[in-house]
N, C-alpha and C. Protein backbone atom coordinates (compact mmCIF):
# COMPACT_ATOMS: atom_id res chain seq x y z
N MET A 1 69.35 -25.29 5.53
CA MET A 1 67.95 -24.96 5.43
C MET A 1 67.26 -25.92 4.47
N TYR A 2 66.03 -26.25 4.72
CA TYR A 2 65.26 -27.13 3.86
C TYR A 2 64.31 -26.27 3.05
N PRO A 3 63.83 -26.51 1.90
CA PRO A 3 63.92 -27.80 1.24
C PRO A 3 65.23 -27.99 0.49
N VAL A 4 65.72 -29.19 0.54
CA VAL A 4 66.92 -29.56 -0.19
C VAL A 4 66.57 -30.81 -0.99
N ARG A 5 66.87 -30.80 -2.26
CA ARG A 5 66.59 -31.97 -3.09
C ARG A 5 67.89 -32.70 -3.32
N THR A 6 67.96 -33.94 -2.87
CA THR A 6 69.17 -34.72 -3.04
C THR A 6 69.13 -35.47 -4.36
N ARG A 7 70.25 -36.02 -4.75
CA ARG A 7 70.36 -36.72 -6.02
C ARG A 7 69.38 -37.88 -6.12
N ASN A 8 69.14 -38.59 -5.01
CA ASN A 8 68.28 -39.77 -5.03
C ASN A 8 66.81 -39.45 -4.78
N GLN A 9 66.50 -38.22 -4.49
CA GLN A 9 65.13 -37.87 -4.11
C GLN A 9 64.26 -37.67 -5.34
N ALA A 10 63.10 -38.27 -5.33
CA ALA A 10 62.17 -38.13 -6.44
C ALA A 10 61.58 -36.73 -6.46
N PRO A 11 61.32 -36.15 -7.62
CA PRO A 11 60.80 -34.78 -7.72
C PRO A 11 59.48 -34.58 -6.99
N GLU A 12 58.62 -35.61 -6.96
CA GLU A 12 57.33 -35.43 -6.30
C GLU A 12 57.47 -35.26 -4.80
N LEU A 13 58.56 -35.71 -4.19
CA LEU A 13 58.75 -35.55 -2.76
C LEU A 13 59.06 -34.10 -2.41
N SER A 14 59.89 -33.45 -3.21
CA SER A 14 60.24 -32.06 -2.91
C SER A 14 59.07 -31.13 -3.20
N ALA A 15 58.15 -31.54 -4.07
CA ALA A 15 57.00 -30.72 -4.39
C ALA A 15 56.01 -30.68 -3.22
N LYS A 16 56.04 -31.68 -2.33
CA LYS A 16 55.13 -31.72 -1.19
C LYS A 16 55.44 -30.61 -0.19
N MET A 17 56.69 -30.23 -0.09
CA MET A 17 57.11 -29.30 0.95
C MET A 17 56.89 -27.86 0.49
N ASP A 18 55.85 -27.22 0.99
CA ASP A 18 55.53 -25.86 0.60
C ASP A 18 56.00 -24.85 1.65
N PHE A 19 57.11 -25.18 2.33
CA PHE A 19 57.64 -24.32 3.39
C PHE A 19 59.14 -24.55 3.49
N GLU A 20 59.81 -23.67 4.26
CA GLU A 20 61.22 -23.90 4.59
C GLU A 20 61.40 -23.66 6.08
N LEU A 21 62.32 -24.39 6.69
CA LEU A 21 62.59 -24.23 8.11
C LEU A 21 63.30 -22.91 8.35
N VAL A 22 62.86 -22.19 9.39
CA VAL A 22 63.48 -20.92 9.74
C VAL A 22 64.46 -21.11 10.90
N GLY A 23 64.12 -21.94 11.85
CA GLY A 23 64.99 -22.17 13.01
C GLY A 23 65.17 -23.65 13.27
N ASP A 24 65.59 -23.95 14.48
CA ASP A 24 65.80 -25.34 14.88
C ASP A 24 64.48 -26.03 15.18
N ILE A 25 64.51 -27.35 15.12
CA ILE A 25 63.35 -28.16 15.49
C ILE A 25 63.47 -28.49 16.97
N THR A 26 62.40 -28.26 17.72
CA THR A 26 62.39 -28.53 19.16
C THR A 26 61.34 -29.60 19.48
N ASN A 27 61.34 -30.06 20.72
CA ASN A 27 60.37 -31.06 21.20
C ASN A 27 60.34 -32.29 20.29
N ILE A 28 61.50 -32.77 19.90
CA ILE A 28 61.57 -33.89 18.96
C ILE A 28 61.22 -35.19 19.68
N GLU A 29 60.34 -35.96 19.05
CA GLU A 29 59.91 -37.26 19.57
C GLU A 29 59.93 -38.28 18.45
N THR A 30 60.18 -39.54 18.81
CA THR A 30 60.08 -40.64 17.86
C THR A 30 58.66 -41.16 17.89
N ILE A 31 58.02 -41.25 16.72
CA ILE A 31 56.65 -41.75 16.62
C ILE A 31 56.66 -43.25 16.35
N ALA A 32 57.54 -43.70 15.42
CA ALA A 32 57.58 -45.12 15.04
C ALA A 32 59.00 -45.48 14.61
N THR A 33 59.33 -46.76 14.71
CA THR A 33 60.64 -47.24 14.28
C THR A 33 60.47 -48.53 13.48
N GLY A 34 61.42 -48.77 12.60
CA GLY A 34 61.51 -50.03 11.86
C GLY A 34 60.22 -50.46 11.18
N GLY A 35 59.81 -51.69 11.44
CA GLY A 35 58.65 -52.30 10.77
C GLY A 35 57.32 -51.63 11.07
N CYS A 36 57.26 -50.78 12.06
CA CYS A 36 56.02 -50.06 12.38
C CYS A 36 55.77 -48.89 11.43
N ILE A 37 56.75 -48.56 10.60
CA ILE A 37 56.60 -47.46 9.65
C ILE A 37 55.94 -48.00 8.39
N ARG A 38 54.77 -47.46 8.05
CA ARG A 38 54.02 -47.94 6.88
C ARG A 38 54.78 -47.71 5.58
N GLU A 39 55.54 -46.64 5.50
CA GLU A 39 56.22 -46.28 4.26
C GLU A 39 57.65 -46.80 4.18
N LEU A 40 57.99 -47.77 4.98
CA LEU A 40 59.36 -48.29 5.02
C LEU A 40 59.86 -48.81 3.66
N PRO A 41 59.06 -49.58 2.91
CA PRO A 41 59.56 -50.03 1.60
C PRO A 41 59.89 -48.85 0.66
N ARG A 42 59.07 -47.81 0.67
CA ARG A 42 59.33 -46.65 -0.18
C ARG A 42 60.59 -45.93 0.25
N LEU A 43 60.80 -45.76 1.56
CA LEU A 43 62.00 -45.11 2.07
C LEU A 43 63.25 -45.87 1.68
N ARG A 44 63.21 -47.19 1.82
CA ARG A 44 64.37 -48.01 1.46
C ARG A 44 64.65 -47.96 -0.04
N ARG A 45 63.58 -47.95 -0.84
CA ARG A 45 63.76 -47.89 -2.28
C ARG A 45 64.37 -46.56 -2.72
N LEU A 46 63.90 -45.45 -2.15
CA LEU A 46 64.36 -44.12 -2.57
C LEU A 46 65.70 -43.73 -1.97
N PHE A 47 65.92 -44.05 -0.67
CA PHE A 47 67.08 -43.53 0.03
C PHE A 47 68.07 -44.57 0.50
N GLY A 48 67.67 -45.85 0.51
CA GLY A 48 68.57 -46.91 0.92
C GLY A 48 68.22 -47.49 2.28
N LYS A 49 68.89 -48.60 2.60
CA LYS A 49 68.66 -49.25 3.88
C LYS A 49 69.21 -48.39 5.01
N GLY A 50 68.56 -48.49 6.12
CA GLY A 50 68.99 -47.77 7.30
C GLY A 50 68.04 -48.07 8.44
N ARG A 51 68.37 -47.59 9.61
CA ARG A 51 67.47 -47.75 10.75
C ARG A 51 66.52 -46.57 10.76
N TRP A 52 65.42 -46.70 10.03
CA TRP A 52 64.48 -45.61 9.82
C TRP A 52 63.60 -45.36 11.03
N ARG A 53 63.37 -44.09 11.30
CA ARG A 53 62.48 -43.66 12.38
C ARG A 53 61.55 -42.59 11.85
N LYS A 54 60.30 -42.61 12.27
CA LYS A 54 59.38 -41.52 11.97
C LYS A 54 59.42 -40.59 13.18
N MET A 55 59.67 -39.30 12.92
CA MET A 55 59.88 -38.33 13.99
C MET A 55 58.85 -37.22 13.90
N LYS A 56 58.68 -36.50 15.02
CA LYS A 56 57.86 -35.29 15.00
C LYS A 56 58.52 -34.26 15.90
N GLY A 57 58.25 -32.99 15.59
CA GLY A 57 58.81 -31.90 16.37
C GLY A 57 58.13 -30.59 16.02
N ILE A 58 58.50 -29.54 16.75
CA ILE A 58 57.93 -28.20 16.56
C ILE A 58 59.01 -27.30 15.99
N ALA A 59 58.65 -26.50 14.98
CA ALA A 59 59.62 -25.59 14.37
C ALA A 59 58.93 -24.37 13.77
N ARG A 60 59.69 -23.29 13.63
CA ARG A 60 59.21 -22.11 12.90
C ARG A 60 59.47 -22.37 11.42
N ILE A 61 58.45 -22.12 10.59
CA ILE A 61 58.58 -22.33 9.16
C ILE A 61 58.15 -21.08 8.41
N ARG A 62 58.71 -20.89 7.23
CA ARG A 62 58.30 -19.79 6.35
C ARG A 62 57.50 -20.40 5.21
N LEU A 63 56.26 -19.94 5.06
CA LEU A 63 55.39 -20.44 4.01
C LEU A 63 55.72 -19.76 2.69
N ARG A 64 55.15 -20.25 1.60
CA ARG A 64 55.41 -19.68 0.28
C ARG A 64 55.03 -18.21 0.19
N ASP A 65 53.98 -17.81 0.92
CA ASP A 65 53.54 -16.41 0.85
C ASP A 65 54.36 -15.49 1.76
N GLY A 66 55.39 -16.04 2.44
CA GLY A 66 56.29 -15.24 3.27
C GLY A 66 55.94 -15.21 4.75
N ARG A 67 54.76 -15.68 5.13
CA ARG A 67 54.39 -15.70 6.55
C ARG A 67 55.26 -16.70 7.31
N VAL A 68 55.56 -16.38 8.56
CA VAL A 68 56.32 -17.28 9.44
C VAL A 68 55.36 -17.79 10.50
N ARG A 69 55.26 -19.11 10.62
CA ARG A 69 54.35 -19.74 11.58
C ARG A 69 55.11 -20.80 12.36
N VAL A 70 54.55 -21.18 13.50
CA VAL A 70 55.07 -22.30 14.29
C VAL A 70 54.18 -23.50 13.97
N ALA A 71 54.81 -24.62 13.61
CA ALA A 71 54.04 -25.78 13.17
C ALA A 71 54.63 -27.07 13.72
N GLU A 72 53.78 -28.09 13.79
CA GLU A 72 54.25 -29.44 14.10
C GLU A 72 54.64 -30.09 12.78
N LEU A 73 55.84 -30.64 12.74
CA LEU A 73 56.36 -31.29 11.54
C LEU A 73 56.56 -32.77 11.79
N HIS A 74 56.37 -33.56 10.75
CA HIS A 74 56.71 -34.98 10.79
C HIS A 74 57.72 -35.23 9.69
N TRP A 75 58.66 -36.15 9.92
CA TRP A 75 59.66 -36.51 8.92
C TRP A 75 60.21 -37.88 9.25
N TYR A 76 61.00 -38.40 8.31
CA TYR A 76 61.68 -39.68 8.51
C TYR A 76 63.17 -39.40 8.57
N GLU A 77 63.88 -40.18 9.36
CA GLU A 77 65.34 -40.04 9.39
C GLU A 77 65.99 -41.39 9.69
N ALA A 78 67.21 -41.52 9.20
CA ALA A 78 68.01 -42.72 9.44
C ALA A 78 69.46 -42.29 9.59
N HIS A 79 70.19 -42.97 10.45
CA HIS A 79 71.59 -42.66 10.68
C HIS A 79 72.37 -42.82 9.38
N GLY A 80 73.17 -41.84 9.06
CA GLY A 80 73.96 -41.88 7.84
C GLY A 80 73.24 -41.44 6.60
N ILE A 81 71.93 -41.27 6.68
CA ILE A 81 71.12 -40.84 5.54
C ILE A 81 70.57 -39.43 5.77
N GLY A 82 70.12 -39.17 6.99
CA GLY A 82 69.63 -37.84 7.34
C GLY A 82 68.12 -37.75 7.39
N LYS A 83 67.64 -36.51 7.48
CA LYS A 83 66.21 -36.23 7.58
C LYS A 83 65.63 -36.13 6.18
N LYS A 84 64.49 -36.80 5.97
CA LYS A 84 63.87 -36.85 4.65
C LYS A 84 62.36 -36.66 4.77
N ASP A 85 61.77 -36.13 3.73
CA ASP A 85 60.32 -36.11 3.54
C ASP A 85 59.58 -35.37 4.66
N PHE A 86 59.88 -34.10 4.85
CA PHE A 86 59.20 -33.28 5.85
C PHE A 86 57.75 -33.03 5.45
N LYS A 87 56.86 -33.06 6.45
CA LYS A 87 55.45 -32.75 6.24
C LYS A 87 54.97 -31.85 7.37
N ARG A 88 54.20 -30.83 7.02
CA ARG A 88 53.59 -29.95 8.01
C ARG A 88 52.27 -30.58 8.41
N LYS A 89 52.09 -30.84 9.71
CA LYS A 89 50.87 -31.49 10.17
C LYS A 89 49.84 -30.49 10.70
N LYS A 90 50.27 -29.58 11.57
CA LYS A 90 49.31 -28.58 12.08
C LYS A 90 50.08 -27.38 12.61
N TYR A 91 49.40 -26.25 12.63
CA TYR A 91 49.99 -25.03 13.19
C TYR A 91 49.73 -25.04 14.70
N VAL A 92 50.72 -24.60 15.47
CA VAL A 92 50.57 -24.59 16.92
C VAL A 92 50.64 -23.17 17.48
N ASP A 93 50.69 -22.16 16.62
CA ASP A 93 50.71 -20.78 17.13
C ASP A 93 49.35 -20.15 17.07
């Protein structure tokens, strides 16, 4: 379950996530890869080199106040590094 703070993750990144995943992420799509990712230098600095992809998908999340909603999420992931920096973009329920 997320949020999970890893040893290399900066504290300000985990503070952005005001929710936790309740179920699986569905309808996963790749938005951008490699040099098309604006935040690529930051990702490499914080988490290391990898084949970074910006992804989006739909998931049920639990907000801080306890409500459960369905939302579109964006995140970055790389093979061997995992999913990082989840952001809630919009509610779809």
